[in-house]
Amino acid sequence: MRLDHVSYAVSNSELGSTVNRLGTLLGSTFRDGGVHPRFGTRNFVLPLAGGSYVEVVAPLDHPATDSAPFGKAVKARAEEGGGWLGWVVGVDDITGWEQRLGRPAAQGHRVRPDGFDLRWKQIGVLDLMADPQLPYFLAWEVAADQRPGAGGGTTPAFERLEISGDRDQVLTWIGGSDQHDPLEEVAVDWVDADEPGVVAVHFTCAGGTVRID
């Protein structure tokens, strides 16, 4: 299993200050990711070691924000005060997940400030909204060197997740088996909290471990 990225949702008015705050904590600078026109959102991204990344995303005043599942999820989290929206598993082929869930994946794209049209497919956001401990799944339709996680150095690096939830339920959702436990490939601390979902993310930075809740 590959952890593609983790998403932190905030209101549009708090996007700039949150990007600056998290960038300072992690000792690195976020990139302007641009607008997701089909989802009604906008993001900034920070590449991590190994090709993963952190996304700070905000809802826009756009019709898609209230119709697309991802836009609705971002808006709802922002209206709750902001924070970790969820974690995303990268897959090579999304068709198996479409068959399993019985619905087509959503086509995503955004044009970066440099003009490159970044494209992908994603599925499972509706399930994330219903149960925030669950990841959703994403398959990129561009080369690895054009993805948001490209270009990261040795730090910052993803270290582990703190998730409030049921490990067995998450493992069943991901599709583990007796022979293969995919959660062993992503370090997760299972914690108790009032609500299910990502509680905090730990990063290895130049000065040591940084925990962001």
N, C-alpha and C. Protein backbone atom coordinates (compact mmCIF):
# COMPACT_ATOMS: atom_id res chain seq x y z
N MET A 1 0.85 -1.20 0.00
CA MET A 1 0.00 0.00 0.00
C MET A 1 0.88 1.24 0.00
N ARG A 2 0.48 2.23 -0.74
CA ARG A 2 1.25 3.47 -0.84
C ARG A 2 0.44 4.64 -0.29
N LEU A 3 0.99 5.32 0.71
CA LEU A 3 0.36 6.54 1.19
C LEU A 3 0.66 7.64 0.18
N ASP A 4 -0.37 8.08 -0.54
CA ASP A 4 -0.15 9.11 -1.55
C ASP A 4 -0.03 10.48 -0.90
N HIS A 5 -1.02 10.85 -0.08
CA HIS A 5 -0.94 12.14 0.60
C HIS A 5 -1.92 12.22 1.76
N VAL A 6 -1.76 13.24 2.55
CA VAL A 6 -2.69 13.56 3.64
C VAL A 6 -3.23 14.97 3.37
N SER A 7 -4.51 15.16 3.69
CA SER A 7 -5.18 16.43 3.37
C SER A 7 -5.60 17.15 4.64
N TYR A 8 -5.31 18.45 4.67
CA TYR A 8 -5.68 19.33 5.78
C TYR A 8 -6.60 20.40 5.20
N ALA A 9 -7.84 20.46 5.70
CA ALA A 9 -8.85 21.37 5.14
C ALA A 9 -9.04 22.60 6.02
N VAL A 10 -9.16 23.74 5.38
CA VAL A 10 -9.40 25.01 6.08
C VAL A 10 -10.32 25.87 5.22
N SER A 11 -10.83 26.94 5.81
CA SER A 11 -11.63 27.89 5.04
C SER A 11 -10.73 28.64 4.07
N ASN A 12 -11.33 29.20 3.04
CA ASN A 12 -10.53 29.94 2.07
C ASN A 12 -9.83 31.14 2.70
N SER A 13 -10.48 31.77 3.68
CA SER A 13 -9.88 32.94 4.33
C SER A 13 -8.67 32.57 5.18
N GLU A 14 -8.58 31.30 5.60
CA GLU A 14 -7.47 30.86 6.44
C GLU A 14 -6.41 30.07 5.67
N LEU A 15 -6.60 29.95 4.36
CA LEU A 15 -5.69 29.12 3.57
C LEU A 15 -4.25 29.63 3.64
N GLY A 16 -4.06 30.92 3.40
CA GLY A 16 -2.70 31.47 3.38
C GLY A 16 -2.00 31.35 4.72
N SER A 17 -2.69 31.68 5.80
CA SER A 17 -2.06 31.62 7.11
C SER A 17 -1.75 30.19 7.52
N THR A 18 -2.63 29.24 7.14
CA THR A 18 -2.39 27.84 7.49
C THR A 18 -1.20 27.29 6.71
N VAL A 19 -1.10 27.62 5.44
CA VAL A 19 0.04 27.20 4.63
C VAL A 19 1.35 27.72 5.23
N ASN A 20 1.35 28.98 5.64
CA ASN A 20 2.56 29.55 6.25
C ASN A 20 2.88 28.88 7.58
N ARG A 21 1.86 28.61 8.38
CA ARG A 21 2.07 27.99 9.69
C ARG A 21 2.63 26.58 9.56
N LEU A 22 2.01 25.77 8.71
CA LEU A 22 2.47 24.41 8.55
C LEU A 22 3.84 24.35 7.88
N GLY A 23 4.06 25.24 6.93
CA GLY A 23 5.37 25.30 6.29
C GLY A 23 6.47 25.63 7.28
N THR A 24 6.20 26.55 8.20
CA THR A 24 7.18 26.90 9.23
C THR A 24 7.44 25.72 10.15
N LEU A 25 6.38 25.02 10.57
CA LEU A 25 6.54 23.86 11.44
C LEU A 25 7.36 22.77 10.78
N LEU A 26 7.17 22.57 9.48
CA LEU A 26 7.84 21.50 8.76
C LEU A 26 9.17 21.92 8.16
N GLY A 27 9.47 23.21 8.25
CA GLY A 27 10.75 23.70 7.74
C GLY A 27 10.87 23.66 6.24
N SER A 28 9.76 23.87 5.54
CA SER A 28 9.78 23.83 4.09
C SER A 28 8.67 24.72 3.55
N THR A 29 8.64 24.90 2.24
CA THR A 29 7.70 25.84 1.62
C THR A 29 6.70 25.10 0.75
N PHE A 30 5.43 25.39 0.94
CA PHE A 30 4.38 24.81 0.11
C PHE A 30 4.39 25.45 -1.27
N ARG A 31 3.89 24.70 -2.25
CA ARG A 31 3.71 25.19 -3.61
C ARG A 31 2.23 25.46 -3.86
N ASP A 32 1.97 26.49 -4.63
CA ASP A 32 0.59 26.77 -5.05
C ASP A 32 0.16 25.68 -6.02
N GLY A 33 -0.84 24.90 -5.63
CA GLY A 33 -1.29 23.81 -6.48
C GLY A 33 -2.33 24.21 -7.51
N GLY A 34 -3.02 25.32 -7.27
CA GLY A 34 -4.04 25.75 -8.21
C GLY A 34 -5.44 25.33 -7.79
N VAL A 35 -6.38 25.48 -8.71
CA VAL A 35 -7.81 25.26 -8.47
C VAL A 35 -8.24 23.91 -9.03
N HIS A 36 -9.13 23.20 -8.28
CA HIS A 36 -9.77 21.99 -8.78
C HIS A 36 -11.16 22.39 -9.29
N PRO A 37 -11.31 22.66 -10.57
CA PRO A 37 -12.59 23.20 -11.07
C PRO A 37 -13.76 22.24 -10.92
N ARG A 38 -13.50 20.93 -10.95
CA ARG A 38 -14.60 19.97 -10.85
C ARG A 38 -15.03 19.73 -9.41
N PHE A 39 -14.21 20.15 -8.47
CA PHE A 39 -14.51 19.93 -7.06
C PHE A 39 -14.82 21.22 -6.31
N GLY A 40 -14.50 22.37 -6.90
CA GLY A 40 -14.75 23.63 -6.23
C GLY A 40 -13.80 23.87 -5.07
N THR A 41 -12.54 23.48 -5.23
CA THR A 41 -11.55 23.63 -4.17
C THR A 41 -10.24 24.17 -4.75
N ARG A 42 -9.36 24.59 -3.84
CA ARG A 42 -8.04 25.06 -4.22
C ARG A 42 -7.05 24.53 -3.20
N ASN A 43 -5.81 24.22 -3.63
CA ASN A 43 -4.86 23.68 -2.67
C ASN A 43 -3.45 24.21 -2.83
N PHE A 44 -2.67 23.98 -1.77
CA PHE A 44 -1.23 24.15 -1.77
C PHE A 44 -0.64 22.81 -1.35
N VAL A 45 0.52 22.45 -1.90
CA VAL A 45 1.09 21.13 -1.63
C VAL A 45 2.55 21.25 -1.20
N LEU A 46 2.97 20.30 -0.38
CA LEU A 46 4.35 20.21 0.08
C LEU A 46 4.84 18.79 -0.16
N PRO A 47 5.78 18.58 -1.11
CA PRO A 47 6.31 17.23 -1.36
C PRO A 47 7.10 16.72 -0.15
N LEU A 48 6.96 15.43 0.11
CA LEU A 48 7.69 14.76 1.17
C LEU A 48 8.65 13.75 0.57
N ALA A 49 9.56 13.25 1.38
CA ALA A 49 10.48 12.22 0.92
C ALA A 49 9.69 10.99 0.46
N GLY A 50 10.14 10.38 -0.63
CA GLY A 50 9.50 9.16 -1.11
C GLY A 50 8.31 9.36 -2.01
N GLY A 51 7.96 10.61 -2.33
CA GLY A 51 6.88 10.86 -3.27
C GLY A 51 5.52 11.14 -2.67
N SER A 52 5.39 11.04 -1.34
CA SER A 52 4.14 11.45 -0.70
C SER A 52 4.10 12.97 -0.59
N TYR A 53 2.98 13.52 -0.14
CA TYR A 53 2.91 14.97 0.05
C TYR A 53 1.81 15.33 1.03
N VAL A 54 1.87 16.58 1.47
CA VAL A 54 0.84 17.17 2.32
C VAL A 54 0.07 18.17 1.48
N GLU A 55 -1.24 18.13 1.59
CA GLU A 55 -2.11 19.06 0.89
C GLU A 55 -2.86 19.91 1.90
N VAL A 56 -2.85 21.22 1.70
CA VAL A 56 -3.75 22.11 2.44
C VAL A 56 -4.78 22.58 1.42
N VAL A 57 -6.05 22.30 1.70
CA VAL A 57 -7.09 22.52 0.70
C VAL A 57 -8.23 23.32 1.30
N ALA A 58 -8.83 24.18 0.48
CA ALA A 58 -9.93 25.04 0.95
C ALA A 58 -11.07 25.02 -0.07
N PRO A 59 -12.31 25.18 0.40
CA PRO A 59 -13.45 25.27 -0.52
C PRO A 59 -13.53 26.66 -1.12
N LEU A 60 -14.02 26.72 -2.35
CA LEU A 60 -14.23 27.99 -3.02
C LEU A 60 -15.72 28.31 -3.06
N ASP A 61 -16.03 29.54 -3.35
CA ASP A 61 -17.42 29.95 -3.58
C ASP A 61 -17.76 29.57 -5.02
N HIS A 62 -18.12 28.30 -5.22
CA HIS A 62 -18.26 27.75 -6.55
C HIS A 62 -19.35 26.68 -6.50
N PRO A 63 -20.19 26.55 -7.54
CA PRO A 63 -21.26 25.55 -7.52
C PRO A 63 -20.78 24.13 -7.26
N ALA A 64 -19.57 23.79 -7.78
CA ALA A 64 -19.07 22.43 -7.61
C ALA A 64 -18.80 22.10 -6.15
N THR A 65 -18.53 23.10 -5.33
CA THR A 65 -18.26 22.86 -3.92
C THR A 65 -19.44 22.20 -3.22
N ASP A 66 -20.64 22.51 -3.68
CA ASP A 66 -21.84 21.97 -3.05
C ASP A 66 -22.41 20.77 -3.79
N SER A 67 -21.76 20.34 -4.87
CA SER A 67 -22.27 19.19 -5.62
C SER A 67 -21.28 18.03 -5.67
N ALA A 68 -19.99 18.31 -5.80
CA ALA A 68 -18.99 17.25 -5.87
C ALA A 68 -18.68 16.72 -4.46
N PRO A 69 -18.58 15.40 -4.30
CA PRO A 69 -18.30 14.85 -2.97
C PRO A 69 -17.06 15.44 -2.31
N PHE A 70 -15.98 15.60 -3.06
CA PHE A 70 -14.77 16.13 -2.44
C PHE A 70 -14.97 17.58 -2.00
N GLY A 71 -15.62 18.37 -2.83
CA GLY A 71 -15.90 19.75 -2.45
C GLY A 71 -16.75 19.84 -1.20
N LYS A 72 -17.77 18.97 -1.12
CA LYS A 72 -18.62 18.96 0.05
C LYS A 72 -17.86 18.53 1.30
N ALA A 73 -16.95 17.55 1.14
CA ALA A 73 -16.17 17.08 2.28
C ALA A 73 -15.24 18.17 2.80
N VAL A 74 -14.59 18.88 1.88
CA VAL A 74 -13.69 19.96 2.26
C VAL A 74 -14.46 21.08 2.94
N LYS A 75 -15.59 21.45 2.37
CA LYS A 75 -16.39 22.53 2.94
C LYS A 75 -16.88 22.17 4.34
N ALA A 76 -17.35 20.93 4.51
CA ALA A 76 -17.85 20.51 5.82
C ALA A 76 -16.76 20.55 6.87
N ARG A 77 -15.56 20.07 6.51
CA ARG A 77 -14.45 20.08 7.48
C ARG A 77 -14.03 21.50 7.80
N ALA A 78 -14.00 22.37 6.80
CA ALA A 78 -13.63 23.76 7.04
C ALA A 78 -14.64 24.44 7.96
N GLU A 79 -15.92 24.15 7.75
CA GLU A 79 -16.96 24.78 8.58
C GLU A 79 -16.94 24.27 10.01
N GLU A 80 -16.33 23.10 10.22
CA GLU A 80 -16.18 22.56 11.58
C GLU A 80 -14.98 23.18 12.31
N GLY A 81 -14.26 24.06 11.64
CA GLY A 81 -13.09 24.69 12.24
C GLY A 81 -11.79 24.31 11.59
N GLY A 82 -11.84 23.38 10.61
CA GLY A 82 -10.64 22.99 9.90
C GLY A 82 -9.85 21.91 10.62
N GLY A 83 -8.92 21.31 9.89
CA GLY A 83 -8.08 20.26 10.44
C GLY A 83 -7.89 19.14 9.43
N TRP A 84 -7.39 18.02 9.91
CA TRP A 84 -7.13 16.90 9.00
C TRP A 84 -8.42 16.37 8.40
N LEU A 85 -8.45 16.33 7.09
CA LEU A 85 -9.61 15.82 6.37
C LEU A 85 -9.52 14.31 6.21
N GLY A 86 -8.33 13.81 5.87
CA GLY A 86 -8.19 12.37 5.67
C GLY A 86 -6.86 12.00 5.06
N TRP A 87 -6.74 10.70 4.79
CA TRP A 87 -5.53 10.17 4.17
C TRP A 87 -5.91 9.44 2.90
N VAL A 88 -4.97 9.40 1.96
CA VAL A 88 -5.28 8.95 0.61
C VAL A 88 -4.30 7.85 0.20
N VAL A 89 -4.84 6.74 -0.25
CA VAL A 89 -4.04 5.60 -0.70
C VAL A 89 -3.86 5.68 -2.22
N GLY A 90 -2.63 5.64 -2.67
CA GLY A 90 -2.35 5.64 -4.10
C GLY A 90 -2.43 4.24 -4.68
N VAL A 91 -3.12 4.10 -5.80
CA VAL A 91 -3.24 2.81 -6.49
C VAL A 91 -2.84 2.99 -7.94
N ASP A 92 -2.40 1.90 -8.57
CA ASP A 92 -1.98 1.97 -9.97
C ASP A 92 -3.16 1.88 -10.93
N ASP A 93 -4.21 1.16 -10.53
CA ASP A 93 -5.37 0.95 -11.40
C ASP A 93 -6.63 1.10 -10.55
N ILE A 94 -7.46 2.06 -10.90
CA ILE A 94 -8.65 2.37 -10.11
C ILE A 94 -9.83 1.47 -10.46
N THR A 95 -9.74 0.71 -11.56
CA THR A 95 -10.91 -0.05 -12.03
C THR A 95 -11.36 -1.10 -11.03
N GLY A 96 -10.42 -1.73 -10.33
CA GLY A 96 -10.80 -2.72 -9.34
C GLY A 96 -11.63 -2.13 -8.22
N TRP A 97 -11.31 -0.89 -7.84
CA TRP A 97 -12.07 -0.22 -6.79
C TRP A 97 -13.43 0.22 -7.29
N GLU A 98 -13.52 0.60 -8.58
CA GLU A 98 -14.83 0.93 -9.16
C GLU A 98 -15.75 -0.28 -9.14
N GLN A 99 -15.20 -1.45 -9.49
CA GLN A 99 -16.00 -2.67 -9.48
C GLN A 99 -16.40 -3.04 -8.06
N ARG A 100 -15.50 -2.89 -7.13
CA ARG A 100 -15.77 -3.25 -5.74
C ARG A 100 -16.85 -2.35 -5.13
N LEU A 101 -16.79 -1.05 -5.42
CA LEU A 101 -17.73 -0.11 -4.82
C LEU A 101 -18.99 0.10 -5.67
N GLY A 102 -18.96 -0.40 -6.89
CA GLY A 102 -20.15 -0.33 -7.74
C GLY A 102 -20.47 1.04 -8.27
N ARG A 103 -19.45 1.86 -8.48
CA ARG A 103 -19.68 3.19 -9.04
C ARG A 103 -18.39 3.66 -9.72
N PRO A 104 -18.50 4.60 -10.65
CA PRO A 104 -17.30 5.07 -11.34
C PRO A 104 -16.49 6.02 -10.47
N ALA A 105 -15.21 6.04 -10.70
CA ALA A 105 -14.34 7.00 -10.03
C ALA A 105 -14.60 8.39 -10.60
N ALA A 106 -14.34 9.39 -9.77
CA ALA A 106 -14.46 10.78 -10.22
C ALA A 106 -13.18 11.20 -10.94
N GLN A 107 -13.34 11.87 -12.06
CA GLN A 107 -12.19 12.41 -12.78
C GLN A 107 -11.79 13.74 -12.16
N GLY A 108 -10.54 13.87 -11.79
CA GLY A 108 -10.05 15.13 -11.24
C GLY A 108 -9.00 15.74 -12.12
N HIS A 109 -8.93 17.06 -12.10
CA HIS A 109 -7.82 17.73 -12.78
C HIS A 109 -7.70 19.14 -12.23
N ARG A 110 -6.51 19.65 -12.31
CA ARG A 110 -6.27 21.06 -12.01
C ARG A 110 -5.09 21.53 -12.85
N VAL A 111 -5.16 22.75 -13.27
CA VAL A 111 -4.07 23.34 -14.04
C VAL A 111 -3.16 24.07 -13.06
N ARG A 112 -1.93 23.60 -12.95
CA ARG A 112 -0.99 24.23 -12.04
C ARG A 112 -0.62 25.62 -12.54
N PRO A 113 -0.07 26.46 -11.66
CA PRO A 113 0.34 27.79 -12.10
C PRO A 113 1.34 27.78 -13.25
N ASP A 114 2.10 26.66 -13.41
CA ASP A 114 3.04 26.58 -14.53
C ASP A 114 2.37 26.14 -15.82
N GLY A 115 1.05 25.91 -15.79
CA GLY A 115 0.30 25.55 -16.98
C GLY A 115 0.10 24.07 -17.20
N PHE A 116 0.74 23.22 -16.39
CA PHE A 116 0.60 21.78 -16.57
C PHE A 116 -0.76 21.31 -16.08
N ASP A 117 -1.43 20.47 -16.87
CA ASP A 117 -2.75 19.96 -16.52
C ASP A 117 -2.58 18.63 -15.79
N LEU A 118 -2.75 18.68 -14.48
CA LEU A 118 -2.58 17.51 -13.63
C LEU A 118 -3.89 16.73 -13.60
N ARG A 119 -3.83 15.42 -13.91
CA ARG A 119 -5.05 14.62 -14.01
C ARG A 119 -4.95 13.34 -13.18
N TRP A 120 -6.09 12.93 -12.63
CA TRP A 120 -6.15 11.72 -11.82
C TRP A 120 -7.59 11.25 -11.73
N LYS A 121 -7.79 10.07 -11.14
CA LYS A 121 -9.12 9.57 -10.79
C LYS A 121 -9.12 9.22 -9.31
N GLN A 122 -10.26 9.42 -8.66
CA GLN A 122 -10.36 9.11 -7.24
C GLN A 122 -11.73 8.52 -6.92
N ILE A 123 -11.76 7.71 -5.88
CA ILE A 123 -13.00 7.08 -5.46
C ILE A 123 -12.94 6.82 -3.96
N GLY A 124 -14.08 6.90 -3.31
CA GLY A 124 -14.17 6.62 -1.89
C GLY A 124 -14.38 7.84 -1.02
N VAL A 125 -14.53 9.02 -1.62
CA VAL A 125 -14.73 10.24 -0.82
C VAL A 125 -16.07 10.19 -0.09
N LEU A 126 -17.09 9.63 -0.72
CA LEU A 126 -18.39 9.49 -0.06
C LEU A 126 -18.27 8.64 1.20
N ASP A 127 -17.44 7.62 1.13
CA ASP A 127 -17.25 6.74 2.28
C ASP A 127 -16.44 7.44 3.37
N LEU A 128 -15.47 8.25 2.97
CA LEU A 128 -14.74 9.07 3.92
C LEU A 128 -15.68 10.02 4.66
N MET A 129 -16.62 10.61 3.95
CA MET A 129 -17.57 11.53 4.57
C MET A 129 -18.43 10.81 5.61
N ALA A 130 -18.80 9.56 5.29
CA ALA A 130 -19.63 8.79 6.20
C ALA A 130 -18.83 8.25 7.38
N ASP A 131 -17.55 7.97 7.15
CA ASP A 131 -16.70 7.37 8.19
C ASP A 131 -15.27 7.89 8.00
N PRO A 132 -14.92 8.99 8.67
CA PRO A 132 -13.65 9.68 8.40
C PRO A 132 -12.37 8.90 8.71
N GLN A 133 -12.48 7.73 9.34
CA GLN A 133 -11.28 6.92 9.55
C GLN A 133 -10.80 6.26 8.25
N LEU A 134 -11.70 6.15 7.27
CA LEU A 134 -11.38 5.43 6.04
C LEU A 134 -10.62 6.32 5.06
N PRO A 135 -9.60 5.78 4.39
CA PRO A 135 -8.96 6.55 3.32
C PRO A 135 -9.79 6.47 2.04
N TYR A 136 -9.52 7.37 1.11
CA TYR A 136 -10.04 7.16 -0.24
C TYR A 136 -8.89 6.82 -1.15
N PHE A 137 -9.19 6.47 -2.39
CA PHE A 137 -8.20 5.90 -3.29
C PHE A 137 -8.01 6.80 -4.52
N LEU A 138 -6.77 6.89 -4.98
CA LEU A 138 -6.44 7.80 -6.08
C LEU A 138 -5.45 7.14 -7.02
N ALA A 139 -5.70 7.29 -8.31
CA ALA A 139 -4.78 6.81 -9.34
C ALA A 139 -4.38 7.98 -10.23
N TRP A 140 -3.09 8.26 -10.30
CA TRP A 140 -2.61 9.36 -11.13
C TRP A 140 -2.60 8.98 -12.60
N GLU A 141 -2.86 9.96 -13.46
CA GLU A 141 -2.83 9.76 -14.91
C GLU A 141 -1.73 10.58 -15.55
N VAL A 142 -0.71 10.89 -14.75
CA VAL A 142 0.47 11.62 -15.24
C VAL A 142 1.71 10.90 -14.72
N ALA A 143 2.85 11.19 -15.33
CA ALA A 143 4.11 10.56 -14.94
C ALA A 143 4.49 10.95 -13.51
N ALA A 144 5.27 10.08 -12.88
CA ALA A 144 5.64 10.29 -11.48
C ALA A 144 6.34 11.62 -11.25
N ASP A 145 7.13 12.07 -12.22
CA ASP A 145 7.89 13.30 -12.02
C ASP A 145 7.03 14.55 -12.16
N GLN A 146 5.73 14.39 -12.49
CA GLN A 146 4.81 15.52 -12.58
C GLN A 146 3.78 15.53 -11.45
N ARG A 147 3.84 14.54 -10.58
CA ARG A 147 2.86 14.46 -9.49
C ARG A 147 3.22 15.43 -8.37
N PRO A 148 2.25 15.77 -7.52
CA PRO A 148 2.51 16.75 -6.46
C PRO A 148 3.62 16.34 -5.48
N GLY A 149 3.84 15.04 -5.31
CA GLY A 149 4.88 14.60 -4.39
C GLY A 149 6.27 14.57 -4.98
N ALA A 150 6.41 14.91 -6.25
CA ALA A 150 7.73 14.87 -6.89
C ALA A 150 8.60 16.01 -6.40
N GLY A 151 9.88 15.74 -6.28
CA GLY A 151 10.84 16.79 -5.96
C GLY A 151 11.13 16.97 -4.49
N GLY A 152 10.60 16.10 -3.65
CA GLY A 152 10.88 16.21 -2.22
C GLY A 152 12.30 15.78 -1.90
N GLY A 153 12.84 16.31 -0.81
CA GLY A 153 14.18 15.93 -0.37
C GLY A 153 14.11 14.81 0.64
N THR A 154 15.14 14.71 1.47
CA THR A 154 15.14 13.67 2.51
C THR A 154 14.24 14.05 3.68
N THR A 155 14.04 15.34 3.88
CA THR A 155 13.09 15.84 4.87
C THR A 155 12.36 17.05 4.27
N PRO A 156 11.11 17.31 4.73
CA PRO A 156 10.35 16.51 5.67
C PRO A 156 9.91 15.18 5.06
N ALA A 157 9.67 14.21 5.95
CA ALA A 157 9.23 12.89 5.53
C ALA A 157 8.06 12.46 6.40
N PHE A 158 7.15 11.71 5.82
CA PHE A 158 6.06 11.15 6.59
C PHE A 158 6.61 10.14 7.59
N GLU A 159 6.14 10.20 8.83
CA GLU A 159 6.58 9.26 9.86
C GLU A 159 5.46 8.32 10.28
N ARG A 160 4.33 8.86 10.73
CA ARG A 160 3.22 8.00 11.09
C ARG A 160 1.95 8.83 11.26
N LEU A 161 0.83 8.12 11.22
CA LEU A 161 -0.49 8.71 11.43
C LEU A 161 -1.01 8.33 12.80
N GLU A 162 -1.77 9.22 13.39
CA GLU A 162 -2.61 8.88 14.54
C GLU A 162 -4.05 8.87 14.04
N ILE A 163 -4.71 7.73 14.16
CA ILE A 163 -6.08 7.59 13.68
C ILE A 163 -6.97 7.09 14.80
N SER A 164 -8.10 7.75 14.96
CA SER A 164 -9.14 7.26 15.87
C SER A 164 -10.08 6.41 15.04
N GLY A 165 -10.12 5.11 15.36
CA GLY A 165 -10.97 4.23 14.59
C GLY A 165 -10.75 2.77 14.91
N ASP A 166 -11.24 1.92 14.05
CA ASP A 166 -11.19 0.48 14.21
C ASP A 166 -10.25 -0.09 13.15
N ARG A 167 -9.11 -0.60 13.62
CA ARG A 167 -8.10 -1.09 12.68
C ARG A 167 -8.66 -2.18 11.76
N ASP A 168 -9.41 -3.12 12.30
CA ASP A 168 -9.94 -4.21 11.49
C ASP A 168 -10.90 -3.69 10.43
N GLN A 169 -11.69 -2.70 10.78
CA GLN A 169 -12.63 -2.13 9.81
C GLN A 169 -11.88 -1.43 8.69
N VAL A 170 -10.83 -0.68 9.05
CA VAL A 170 -10.03 0.01 8.03
C VAL A 170 -9.31 -1.01 7.15
N LEU A 171 -8.80 -2.07 7.77
CA LEU A 171 -8.09 -3.10 7.01
C LEU A 171 -9.02 -3.79 6.02
N THR A 172 -10.24 -4.05 6.45
CA THR A 172 -11.23 -4.65 5.54
C THR A 172 -11.53 -3.72 4.38
N TRP A 173 -11.65 -2.42 4.67
CA TRP A 173 -11.93 -1.43 3.63
C TRP A 173 -10.80 -1.37 2.61
N ILE A 174 -9.57 -1.40 3.09
CA ILE A 174 -8.43 -1.32 2.19
C ILE A 174 -8.31 -2.59 1.35
N GLY A 175 -8.67 -3.72 1.94
CA GLY A 175 -8.61 -4.97 1.20
C GLY A 175 -7.46 -5.85 1.62
N GLY A 176 -7.20 -5.93 2.91
CA GLY A 176 -6.13 -6.79 3.40
C GLY A 176 -6.53 -8.26 3.35
N SER A 177 -5.54 -9.11 3.57
CA SER A 177 -5.78 -10.55 3.58
C SER A 177 -4.89 -11.17 4.66
N ASP A 178 -5.09 -12.46 4.88
CA ASP A 178 -4.27 -13.14 5.87
C ASP A 178 -2.80 -13.14 5.48
N GLN A 179 -2.55 -13.12 4.16
CA GLN A 179 -1.17 -13.16 3.68
C GLN A 179 -0.53 -11.77 3.61
N HIS A 180 -1.36 -10.74 3.55
CA HIS A 180 -0.82 -9.39 3.34
C HIS A 180 -1.59 -8.38 4.19
N ASP A 181 -0.89 -7.73 5.07
CA ASP A 181 -1.48 -6.69 5.92
C ASP A 181 -0.97 -5.34 5.44
N PRO A 182 -1.74 -4.64 4.59
CA PRO A 182 -1.24 -3.38 4.01
C PRO A 182 -1.00 -2.30 5.05
N LEU A 183 -1.66 -2.38 6.20
CA LEU A 183 -1.44 -1.35 7.21
C LEU A 183 -0.05 -1.44 7.83
N GLU A 184 0.65 -2.54 7.62
CA GLU A 184 2.02 -2.63 8.09
C GLU A 184 2.95 -1.73 7.26
N GLU A 185 2.47 -1.31 6.10
CA GLU A 185 3.28 -0.48 5.21
C GLU A 185 3.11 1.00 5.48
N VAL A 186 2.13 1.36 6.29
CA VAL A 186 1.93 2.75 6.71
C VAL A 186 1.84 2.73 8.23
N ALA A 187 2.76 3.39 8.90
CA ALA A 187 2.77 3.37 10.36
C ALA A 187 1.56 4.12 10.90
N VAL A 188 0.74 3.43 11.69
CA VAL A 188 -0.47 4.02 12.26
C VAL A 188 -0.51 3.74 13.75
N ASP A 189 -0.73 4.78 14.53
CA ASP A 189 -1.02 4.65 15.96
C ASP A 189 -2.54 4.78 16.11
N TRP A 190 -3.18 3.77 16.66
CA TRP A 190 -4.63 3.81 16.87
C TRP A 190 -4.90 4.42 18.23
N VAL A 191 -5.63 5.52 18.24
CA VAL A 191 -5.85 6.29 19.46
C VAL A 191 -7.34 6.47 19.71
N ASP A 192 -7.67 6.84 20.93
CA ASP A 192 -9.06 7.14 21.28
C ASP A 192 -9.30 8.64 21.16
N ALA A 193 -10.40 8.99 20.50
CA ALA A 193 -10.78 10.39 20.37
C ALA A 193 -12.30 10.46 20.29
N ASP A 194 -12.82 11.66 20.42
CA ASP A 194 -14.28 11.83 20.41
C ASP A 194 -14.89 11.46 19.06
N GLU A 195 -14.14 11.70 17.98
CA GLU A 195 -14.65 11.44 16.64
C GLU A 195 -13.64 10.57 15.87
N PRO A 196 -14.12 9.72 14.96
CA PRO A 196 -13.20 8.94 14.14
C PRO A 196 -12.48 9.81 13.12
N GLY A 197 -11.33 9.34 12.67
CA GLY A 197 -10.60 10.05 11.63
C GLY A 197 -9.16 10.28 12.00
N VAL A 198 -8.45 11.00 11.15
CA VAL A 198 -7.05 11.34 11.40
C VAL A 198 -6.98 12.38 12.51
N VAL A 199 -6.29 12.04 13.58
CA VAL A 199 -6.15 12.93 14.73
C VAL A 199 -4.91 13.80 14.58
N ALA A 200 -3.80 13.20 14.13
CA ALA A 200 -2.54 13.92 13.98
C ALA A 200 -1.66 13.19 12.98
N VAL A 201 -0.69 13.91 12.45
CA VAL A 201 0.31 13.33 11.55
C VAL A 201 1.69 13.72 12.08
N HIS A 202 2.58 12.72 12.12
CA HIS A 202 3.95 12.94 12.57
C HIS A 202 4.87 12.98 11.36
N PHE A 203 5.77 13.95 11.34
CA PHE A 203 6.72 14.11 10.25
C PHE A 203 8.14 14.11 10.81
N THR A 204 9.05 13.53 10.05
CA THR A 204 10.47 13.64 10.36
C THR A 204 11.01 14.87 9.65
N CYS A 205 11.51 15.82 10.42
CA CYS A 205 12.03 17.07 9.87
C CYS A 205 13.50 17.22 10.24
N ALA A 206 14.13 18.23 9.70
CA ALA A 206 15.56 18.43 9.93
C ALA A 206 15.88 18.54 11.42
N GLY A 207 14.98 19.12 12.19
CA GLY A 207 15.22 19.30 13.62
C GLY A 207 14.64 18.22 14.50
N GLY A 208 14.05 17.17 13.91
CA GLY A 208 13.45 16.10 14.69
C GLY A 208 12.00 15.87 14.26
N THR A 209 11.26 15.16 15.09
CA THR A 209 9.87 14.84 14.77
C THR A 209 8.95 16.03 15.08
N VAL A 210 8.03 16.27 14.16
CA VAL A 210 7.02 17.32 14.33
C VAL A 210 5.64 16.66 14.26
N ARG A 211 4.83 16.90 15.26
CA ARG A 211 3.47 16.38 15.29
C ARG A 211 2.49 17.52 15.02
N ILE A 212 1.62 17.31 14.02
CA ILE A 212 0.62 18.33 13.67
C ILE A 212 -0.76 17.70 13.85
N ASP A 213 -1.56 18.35 14.73
CA ASP A 213 -2.92 17.85 14.95
C ASP A 213 -3.93 18.83 14.39
